[in-house]
């Protein structure tokens, strides 16, 4: 049963990917975003530990999504994946 999942999609107007002029992934980023979604969902489930539900879900989701922000500082960003 699928209740909810994180959804990453095309974005635009982010800081350029190093060594390129790309500030959008429209038209080429679908596989990257798919991989990010799978990894993010796995990290979210792992962060749940044994319980998983409750008031901390929003905090865990926010912390997980922050790892994928479109900037070089985020460890799982498009910027890092495409280097």
Protein backbone atom coordinates (compact mmCIF):
# COMPACT_ATOMS: atom_id res chain seq x y z
CA UNK A 1 0.00 0.00 0.00
CA UNK A 2 1.43 3.35 -0.99
CA UNK A 3 0.54 6.06 1.48
CA UNK A 4 2.89 8.84 0.48
CA UNK A 5 6.27 9.30 -1.08
CA UNK A 6 8.67 12.13 -1.71
CA UNK A 7 8.41 13.55 -5.22
CA UNK A 8 11.26 15.38 -6.93
CA UNK A 9 10.63 16.90 -10.32
CA UNK A 10 12.24 19.27 -12.80
CA UNK A 11 13.40 22.57 -11.34
CA UNK A 12 14.69 25.83 -12.75
CA UNK A 13 16.49 28.97 -11.62
CA UNK A 14 18.93 27.16 -9.36
CA UNK A 15 22.61 28.14 -9.13
CA UNK A 16 24.54 26.89 -12.19
CA UNK A 17 25.97 23.41 -12.02
CA UNK A 18 29.78 23.81 -11.78
CA UNK A 19 31.45 23.84 -15.18
CA UNK A 20 28.17 24.44 -17.01
CA UNK A 21 25.60 27.14 -17.62
CA UNK A 22 22.69 24.87 -16.64
CA UNK A 23 20.24 26.43 -14.16
CA UNK A 24 17.43 24.00 -15.03
CA UNK A 25 17.18 20.25 -15.49
CA UNK A 26 14.10 20.35 -17.73
CA UNK A 27 14.47 17.88 -20.56
CA UNK A 28 17.44 15.95 -19.17
CA UNK A 29 17.08 15.50 -15.41
CA UNK A 30 14.36 12.86 -15.18
CA UNK A 31 16.67 9.93 -14.41
CA UNK A 32 18.61 12.02 -11.90
CA UNK A 33 15.40 13.05 -10.11
CA UNK A 34 14.13 9.45 -10.15
CA UNK A 35 17.32 8.29 -8.48
CA UNK A 36 17.08 11.09 -5.94
CA UNK A 37 13.51 10.08 -5.09
CA UNK A 38 14.48 6.45 -4.52
CA UNK A 39 17.43 7.41 -2.32
CA UNK A 40 15.39 10.00 -0.39
CA UNK A 41 12.62 7.49 0.29
CA UNK A 42 15.15 4.94 1.53
CA UNK A 43 16.80 7.51 3.81
CA UNK A 44 13.42 8.57 5.14
CA UNK A 45 12.48 4.99 5.96
CA UNK A 46 15.83 4.36 7.61
CA UNK A 47 15.44 7.49 9.73
CA UNK A 48 12.11 6.16 11.00
CA UNK A 49 13.79 3.40 12.94
CA UNK A 50 11.27 1.05 14.45
CA UNK A 51 8.30 3.42 14.82
CA UNK A 52 8.14 5.62 11.78
CA UNK A 53 4.94 7.57 12.32
CA UNK A 54 4.03 10.51 14.47
CA UNK A 55 4.77 14.16 14.92
CA UNK A 56 8.42 13.83 13.91
CA UNK A 57 7.53 12.79 10.35
CA UNK A 58 7.45 16.39 9.10
CA UNK A 59 10.87 17.08 10.64
CA UNK A 60 12.34 13.91 9.18
CA UNK A 61 10.91 14.75 5.73
CA UNK A 62 12.29 18.30 5.87
CA UNK A 63 15.72 17.07 6.95
CA UNK A 64 15.74 14.43 4.20
CA UNK A 65 14.63 16.82 1.45
CA UNK A 66 17.30 19.32 2.52
CA UNK A 67 19.95 16.76 1.56
CA UNK A 68 18.77 17.08 -2.05
CA UNK A 69 18.61 20.88 -2.35
CA UNK A 70 19.83 22.20 -5.69
CA UNK A 71 23.14 23.60 -4.49
CA UNK A 72 26.69 22.31 -4.20
CA UNK A 73 26.45 22.26 -0.40
CA UNK A 74 23.74 19.56 -0.37
CA UNK A 75 25.33 16.09 -0.40
CA UNK A 76 22.80 14.49 -2.79
CA UNK A 77 22.09 17.53 -4.97
CA UNK A 78 21.90 17.48 -8.74
CA UNK A 79 25.08 19.55 -8.59
CA UNK A 80 26.98 16.75 -6.85
CA UNK A 81 25.43 13.89 -8.84
CA UNK A 82 26.44 15.44 -12.17
CA UNK A 83 30.03 16.31 -11.27
